[in-house]
Amino acid sequence: MNKLTRKDLYSLEAYSEMRDEFRKKVIAHKENRRLELGNHILLSFEDKLIMQYQIQEMLKAERIFEAAAIEEELEVYNPMIPDGTNWKATMLIQYPDVAERQRELTRLIGIEDLIWMQVNGCEKIYAIADEDLERANDEKTSAVHFMRFELEPDMITAVKSGATISAGVDHKNYQATVNPVSDELRKSLLSDLS
């Protein structure tokens, strides 16, 4: 469901002409799909429009126009588009100071598996992280993780009926809860569910 194909993409020439306007549209769209969990974790929820923008930017930057190479980009980015029963996000662990970031990434090993979403009245859904490749090791976690939150049918029904959504982190060295998430984010996440 809802995956991008070559037909959804603009030629390099067409994209060059519309890039500024398209970029403004995507930036405004992304604002309603961001969630800060405490001071140092950001979840950026992905969707078809955002992935289309990412692909278009890659095609432009690399001057890709061959069909096979375009298909390769689609294969890389399409898995980040929600499937109708889930939310997909990029998690960024943000510490401006490099030394502090390195220290905290060591303290936060395993945090990617302790990020949760919760539909009001339902159990917490913990992230399924880094399905594409392992980003952490025994010494530190990565500053970037890709995650999926898989919803049960009753959770989808509840969100469609107006239930609030909360989110948080349950790591021993980092806890945060947002209850509820903003109405703008809730509405945007609702659009990911079929």
C-alpha atoms as a PDB file:
ATOM      1  CA  MET A   1       0.000   0.000   0.000  1.00  0.00           C
ATOM      2  CA  ASN A   2       1.047   3.533  -0.687  1.00  0.00           C
ATOM      3  CA  LYS A   3       4.539   2.853  -2.038  1.00  0.00           C
ATOM      4  CA  LEU A   4       6.257   5.162  -4.503  1.00  0.00           C
ATOM      5  CA  THR A   5       6.910   4.161  -8.105  1.00  0.00           C
ATOM      6  CA  ARG A   6       8.858   5.878 -10.876  1.00  0.00           C
ATOM      7  CA  LYS A   7       5.555   7.370 -12.048  1.00  0.00           C
ATOM      8  CA  ASP A   8       5.360   9.355  -8.767  1.00  0.00           C
ATOM      9  CA  LEU A   9       8.708  11.031  -9.389  1.00  0.00           C
ATOM     10  CA  TYR A  10       9.526  14.135 -11.395  1.00  0.00           C
ATOM     11  CA  SER A  11      12.211  14.283 -14.052  1.00  0.00           C
ATOM     12  CA  LEU A  12      15.373  16.120 -13.014  1.00  0.00           C
ATOM     13  CA  GLU A  13      14.361  19.068 -15.200  1.00  0.00           C
ATOM     14  CA  ALA A  14      10.794  19.272 -13.858  1.00  0.00           C
ATOM     15  CA  TYR A  15      11.990  18.888 -10.264  1.00  0.00           C
ATOM     16  CA  SER A  16      14.580  21.623 -10.712  1.00  0.00           C
ATOM     17  CA  GLU A  17      11.834  24.043 -11.772  1.00  0.00           C
ATOM     18  CA  MET A  18       9.522  23.218  -8.844  1.00  0.00           C
ATOM     19  CA  ARG A  19      12.088  22.377  -6.151  1.00  0.00           C
ATOM     20  CA  ASP A  20      11.742  25.508  -3.991  1.00  0.00           C
ATOM     21  CA  GLU A  21       7.957  25.295  -3.839  1.00  0.00           C
ATOM     22  CA  PHE A  22       7.993  21.528  -3.222  1.00  0.00           C
ATOM     23  CA  ARG A  23      10.616  21.915  -0.490  1.00  0.00           C
ATOM     24  CA  LYS A  24       8.510  24.538   1.336  1.00  0.00           C
ATOM     25  CA  LYS A  25       5.500  22.212   1.168  1.00  0.00           C
ATOM     26  CA  VAL A  26       7.485  19.293   2.627  1.00  0.00           C
ATOM     27  CA  ILE A  27       9.063  21.397   5.398  1.00  0.00           C
ATOM     28  CA  ALA A  28       5.615  22.631   6.484  1.00  0.00           C
ATOM     29  CA  HIS A  29       4.304  19.051   6.338  1.00  0.00           C
ATOM     30  CA  LYS A  30       7.216  17.727   8.432  1.00  0.00           C
ATOM     31  CA  GLU A  31       6.560  20.254  11.201  1.00  0.00           C
ATOM     32  CA  ASN A  32       3.372  18.372  12.107  1.00  0.00           C
ATOM     33  CA  ARG A  33       5.230  15.040  12.114  1.00  0.00           C
ATOM     34  CA  ARG A  34       7.937  15.778  14.700  1.00  0.00           C
ATOM     35  CA  LEU A  35       7.912  14.742  18.333  1.00  0.00           C
ATOM     36  CA  GLU A  36      10.476  15.739  20.932  1.00  0.00           C
ATOM     37  CA  LEU A  37      10.907  13.226  23.738  1.00  0.00           C
ATOM     38  CA  GLY A  38      12.730  15.188  26.396  1.00  0.00           C
ATOM     39  CA  ASN A  39      15.601  17.461  25.453  1.00  0.00           C
ATOM     40  CA  HIS A  40      17.676  15.070  23.373  1.00  0.00           C
ATOM     41  CA  ILE A  41      15.457  12.707  21.362  1.00  0.00           C
ATOM     42  CA  LEU A  42      13.500  13.646  18.273  1.00  0.00           C
ATOM     43  CA  LEU A  43      11.134  11.338  16.417  1.00  0.00           C
ATOM     44  CA  SER A  44      10.476  12.403  12.857  1.00  0.00           C
ATOM     45  CA  PHE A  45       7.557  10.396  11.482  1.00  0.00           C
ATOM     46  CA  GLU A  46       8.013   9.447   7.843  1.00  0.00           C
ATOM     47  CA  ASP A  47       5.416   9.150   5.094  1.00  0.00           C
ATOM     48  CA  LYS A  48       5.039   9.009   1.324  1.00  0.00           C
ATOM     49  CA  LEU A  49       5.463  12.753   0.709  1.00  0.00           C
ATOM     50  CA  ILE A  50       8.618  12.962   2.836  1.00  0.00           C
ATOM     51  CA  MET A  51      10.119   9.916   1.132  1.00  0.00           C
ATOM     52  CA  GLN A  52       9.268  11.339  -2.293  1.00  0.00           C
ATOM     53  CA  TYR A  53      11.176  14.485  -1.334  1.00  0.00           C
ATOM     54  CA  GLN A  54      14.157  12.438  -0.088  1.00  0.00           C
ATOM     55  CA  ILE A  55      14.275  10.474  -3.339  1.00  0.00           C
ATOM     56  CA  GLN A  56      13.928  13.590  -5.487  1.00  0.00           C
ATOM     57  CA  GLU A  57      16.798  15.211  -3.592  1.00  0.00           C
ATOM     58  CA  MET A  58      18.992  12.116  -4.036  1.00  0.00           C
ATOM     59  CA  LEU A  59      18.220  11.945  -7.755  1.00  0.00           C
ATOM     60  CA  LYS A  60      19.078  15.640  -8.094  1.00  0.00           C
ATOM     61  CA  ALA A  61      22.267  15.489  -6.014  1.00  0.00           C
ATOM     62  CA  GLU A  62      23.574  12.380  -7.778  1.00  0.00           C
ATOM     63  CA  ARG A  63      22.155  13.348 -11.197  1.00  0.00           C
ATOM     64  CA  ILE A  64      20.397   9.996 -11.423  1.00  0.00           C
ATOM     65  CA  PHE A  65      18.111   9.490 -14.404  1.00  0.00           C
ATOM     66  CA  GLU A  66      18.595   5.852 -15.424  1.00  0.00           C
ATOM     67  CA  ALA A  67      15.619   3.595 -14.671  1.00  0.00           C
ATOM     68  CA  ALA A  68      17.632   0.956 -12.793  1.00  0.00           C
ATOM     69  CA  ALA A  69      19.294   3.523 -10.534  1.00  0.00           C
ATOM     70  CA  ILE A  70      15.928   5.178  -9.806  1.00  0.00           C
ATOM     71  CA  GLU A  71      14.511   1.762  -8.861  1.00  0.00           C
ATOM     72  CA  GLU A  72      17.424   1.306  -6.436  1.00  0.00           C
ATOM     73  CA  GLU A  73      16.511   4.575  -4.694  1.00  0.00           C
ATOM     74  CA  LEU A  74      12.882   3.478  -4.491  1.00  0.00           C
ATOM     75  CA  GLU A  75      13.985   0.206  -2.870  1.00  0.00           C
ATOM     76  CA  VAL A  76      15.964   2.138  -0.255  1.00  0.00           C
ATOM     77  CA  TYR A  77      13.250   4.649   0.688  1.00  0.00           C
ATOM     78  CA  ASN A  78       9.951   2.778   0.194  1.00  0.00           C
ATOM     79  CA  PRO A  79      10.364   0.696   3.387  1.00  0.00           C
ATOM     80  CA  MET A  80      10.125   3.935   5.398  1.00  0.00           C
ATOM     81  CA  ILE A  81       6.572   4.601   4.168  1.00  0.00           C
ATOM     82  CA  PRO A  82       3.877   3.433   6.632  1.00  0.00           C
ATOM     83  CA  ASP A  83       1.938   0.358   5.496  1.00  0.00           C
ATOM     84  CA  GLY A  84      -1.471   1.374   6.866  1.00  0.00           C
ATOM     85  CA  THR A  85      -1.109  -0.527  10.154  1.00  0.00           C
ATOM     86  CA  ASN A  86       1.952   1.213  11.514  1.00  0.00           C
ATOM     87  CA  TRP A  87       3.850   4.416  12.108  1.00  0.00           C
ATOM     88  CA  LYS A  88       7.433   4.726  10.917  1.00  0.00           C
ATOM     89  CA  ALA A  89       9.939   7.192  12.273  1.00  0.00           C
ATOM     90  CA  THR A  90      13.537   8.255  12.259  1.00  0.00           C
ATOM     91  CA  MET A  91      14.841   8.742  15.800  1.00  0.00           C
ATOM     92  CA  LEU A  92      17.638  11.229  16.327  1.00  0.00           C
ATOM     93  CA  ILE A  93      19.614  11.387  19.562  1.00  0.00           C
ATOM     94  CA  GLN A  94      20.775  14.998  19.684  1.00  0.00           C
ATOM     95  CA  TYR A  95      23.580  16.364  21.830  1.00  0.00           C
ATOM     96  CA  PRO A  96      25.305  19.414  20.298  1.00  0.00           C
ATOM     97  CA  ASP A  97      28.599  18.817  22.130  1.00  0.00           C
ATOM     98  CA  VAL A  98      30.528  15.960  20.493  1.00  0.00           C
ATOM     99  CA  ALA A  99      32.137  14.699  23.714  1.00  0.00           C
ATOM    100  CA  GLU A 100      28.801  14.722  25.552  1.00  0.00           C
ATOM    101  CA  ARG A 101      27.116  12.941  22.621  1.00  0.00           C
ATOM    102  CA  GLN A 102      29.744  10.174  22.632  1.00  0.00           C
ATOM    103  CA  ARG A 103      29.386   9.748  26.395  1.00  0.00           C
ATOM    104  CA  GLU A 104      25.577   9.638  26.217  1.00  0.00           C
ATOM    105  CA  LEU A 105      25.506   7.181  23.292  1.00  0.00           C
ATOM    106  CA  THR A 106      27.461   4.816  25.553  1.00  0.00           C
ATOM    107  CA  ARG A 107      24.988   5.348  28.409  1.00  0.00           C
ATOM    108  CA  LEU A 108      21.960   4.900  26.119  1.00  0.00           C
ATOM    109  CA  ILE A 109      22.704   1.443  24.699  1.00  0.00           C
ATOM    110  CA  GLY A 110      19.377  -0.245  23.898  1.00  0.00           C
ATOM    111  CA  ILE A 111      17.297   2.946  23.949  1.00  0.00           C
ATOM    112  CA  GLU A 112      16.021   2.272  20.415  1.00  0.00           C
ATOM    113  CA  ASP A 113      14.026  -0.691  21.756  1.00  0.00           C
ATOM    114  CA  LEU A 114      12.518   1.317  24.631  1.00  0.00           C
ATOM    115  CA  ILE A 115      10.748   4.042  22.649  1.00  0.00           C
ATOM    116  CA  TRP A 116       6.978   3.603  22.817  1.00  0.00           C
ATOM    117  CA  MET A 117       3.698   4.932  21.488  1.00  0.00           C
ATOM    118  CA  GLN A 118       0.349   4.375  23.171  1.00  0.00           C
ATOM    119  CA  VAL A 119      -3.199   4.803  21.963  1.00  0.00           C
ATOM    120  CA  ASN A 120      -5.413   5.839  24.884  1.00  0.00           C
ATOM    121  CA  GLY A 121      -6.953   2.744  26.491  1.00  0.00           C
ATOM    122  CA  CYS A 122      -4.493   0.334  24.824  1.00  0.00           C
ATOM    123  CA  GLU A 123      -1.134  -1.219  25.685  1.00  0.00           C
ATOM    124  CA  LYS A 124       2.122   0.543  24.867  1.00  0.00           C
ATOM    125  CA  ILE A 125       3.635  -0.296  21.480  1.00  0.00           C
ATOM    126  CA  TYR A 126       7.425  -0.535  21.628  1.00  0.00           C
ATOM    127  CA  ALA A 127       9.460   0.326  18.549  1.00  0.00           C
ATOM    128  CA  ILE A 128      10.797  -2.330  16.245  1.00  0.00           C
ATOM    129  CA  ALA A 129      14.127  -0.687  15.488  1.00  0.00           C
ATOM    130  CA  ASP A 130      16.670  -0.897  12.709  1.00  0.00           C
ATOM    131  CA  GLU A 131      15.118  -3.626  10.592  1.00  0.00           C
ATOM    132  CA  ASP A 132      17.353  -2.646   7.676  1.00  0.00           C
ATOM    133  CA  LEU A 133      20.678  -3.002   9.524  1.00  0.00           C
ATOM    134  CA  GLU A 134      22.102  -3.053  13.026  1.00  0.00           C
ATOM    135  CA  ARG A 135      23.150   0.421  14.137  1.00  0.00           C
ATOM    136  CA  ALA A 136      24.224  -0.248  17.722  1.00  0.00           C
ATOM    137  CA  ASN A 137      26.889  -2.428  19.285  1.00  0.00           C
ATOM    138  CA  ASP A 138      28.032  -3.461  22.771  1.00  0.00           C
ATOM    139  CA  GLU A 139      29.887  -0.180  23.265  1.00  0.00           C
ATOM    140  CA  LYS A 140      27.364   2.434  22.137  1.00  0.00           C
ATOM    141  CA  THR A 141      24.106   3.060  20.375  1.00  0.00           C
ATOM    142  CA  SER A 142      23.820   5.059  17.171  1.00  0.00           C
ATOM    143  CA  ALA A 143      22.645   8.672  17.056  1.00  0.00           C
ATOM    144  CA  VAL A 144      20.162   7.684  14.310  1.00  0.00           C
ATOM    145  CA  HIS A 145      17.682   4.799  14.322  1.00  0.00           C
ATOM    146  CA  PHE A 146      14.826   3.845  12.017  1.00  0.00           C
ATOM    147  CA  MET A 147      11.769   2.439  13.729  1.00  0.00           C
ATOM    148  CA  ARG A 148       8.329   0.992  13.166  1.00  0.00           C
ATOM    149  CA  PHE A 149       5.402   1.005  15.591  1.00  0.00           C
ATOM    150  CA  GLU A 150       2.967  -1.771  14.627  1.00  0.00           C
ATOM    151  CA  LEU A 151      -0.658  -1.194  15.707  1.00  0.00           C
ATOM    152  CA  GLU A 152      -3.312  -3.798  16.470  1.00  0.00           C
ATOM    153  CA  PRO A 153      -6.706  -3.395  14.716  1.00  0.00           C
ATOM    154  CA  ASP A 154      -8.391  -2.155  17.926  1.00  0.00           C
ATOM    155  CA  MET A 155      -5.729   0.553  18.266  1.00  0.00           C
ATOM    156  CA  ILE A 156      -6.360   1.744  14.707  1.00  0.00           C
ATOM    157  CA  THR A 157     -10.099   1.836  15.403  1.00  0.00           C
ATOM    158  CA  ALA A 158      -9.511   3.841  18.575  1.00  0.00           C
ATOM    159  CA  VAL A 159      -7.300   6.406  16.798  1.00  0.00           C
ATOM    160  CA  LYS A 160      -9.920   6.755  14.053  1.00  0.00           C
ATOM    161  CA  SER A 161     -12.537   7.311  16.779  1.00  0.00           C
ATOM    162  CA  GLY A 162     -10.525  10.189  18.234  1.00  0.00           C
ATOM    163  CA  ALA A 163      -8.455   8.498  20.942  1.00  0.00           C
ATOM    164  CA  THR A 164      -5.426  10.444  22.091  1.00  0.00           C
ATOM    165  CA  ILE A 165      -1.899   9.180  21.518  1.00  0.00           C
ATOM    166  CA  SER A 166       0.998   9.404  23.940  1.00  0.00           C
ATOM    167  CA  ALA A 167       4.669   8.551  23.543  1.00  0.00           C
ATOM    168  CA  GLY A 168       7.731   8.079  25.651  1.00  0.00           C
ATOM    169  CA  VAL A 169      11.066   6.526  26.504  1.00  0.00           C
ATOM    170  CA  ASP A 170      11.599   3.951  29.290  1.00  0.00           C
ATOM    171  CA  HIS A 171      15.423   3.681  29.327  1.00  0.00           C
ATOM    172  CA  LYS A 172      17.102   3.542  32.754  1.00  0.00           C
ATOM    173  CA  ASN A 173      19.281   6.552  31.800  1.00  0.00           C
ATOM    174  CA  TYR A 174      16.649   8.529  29.866  1.00  0.00           C
ATOM    175  CA  GLN A 175      12.947   8.800  30.576  1.00  0.00           C
ATOM    176  CA  ALA A 176      10.429  11.060  28.901  1.00  0.00           C
ATOM    177  CA  THR A 177       6.698  11.047  28.323  1.00  0.00           C
ATOM    178  CA  VAL A 178       4.487  13.186  26.102  1.00  0.00           C
ATOM    179  CA  ASN A 179       0.841  12.691  27.057  1.00  0.00           C
ATOM    180  CA  PRO A 180      -0.895  13.410  24.812  1.00  0.00           C
ATOM    181  CA  VAL A 181       0.972  14.276  21.634  1.00  0.00           C
ATOM    182  CA  SER A 182      -0.217  17.437  19.877  1.00  0.00           C
ATOM    183  CA  ASP A 183      -3.492  17.316  17.999  1.00  0.00           C
ATOM    184  CA  GLU A 184      -1.604  18.219  14.800  1.00  0.00           C
ATOM    185  CA  LEU A 185       0.671  15.186  15.188  1.00  0.00           C
ATOM    186  CA  ARG A 186      -2.283  12.953  16.095  1.00  0.00           C
ATOM    187  CA  LYS A 187      -4.141  14.025  12.921  1.00  0.00           C
ATOM    188  CA  SER A 188      -1.031  13.479  10.819  1.00  0.00           C
ATOM    189  CA  LEU A 189      -0.436  10.005  12.306  1.00  0.00           C
ATOM    190  CA  LEU A 190      -4.102   9.172  11.708  1.00  0.00           C
ATOM    191  CA  SER A 191      -3.510   9.764   7.991  1.00  0.00           C
ATOM    192  CA  ASP A 192      -0.932   6.913   8.035  1.00  0.00           C
ATOM    193  CA  LEU A 193      -3.560   4.360   9.034  1.00  0.00           C
ATOM    194  CA  SER A 194      -5.815   2.687   6.468  1.00  0.00           C
END
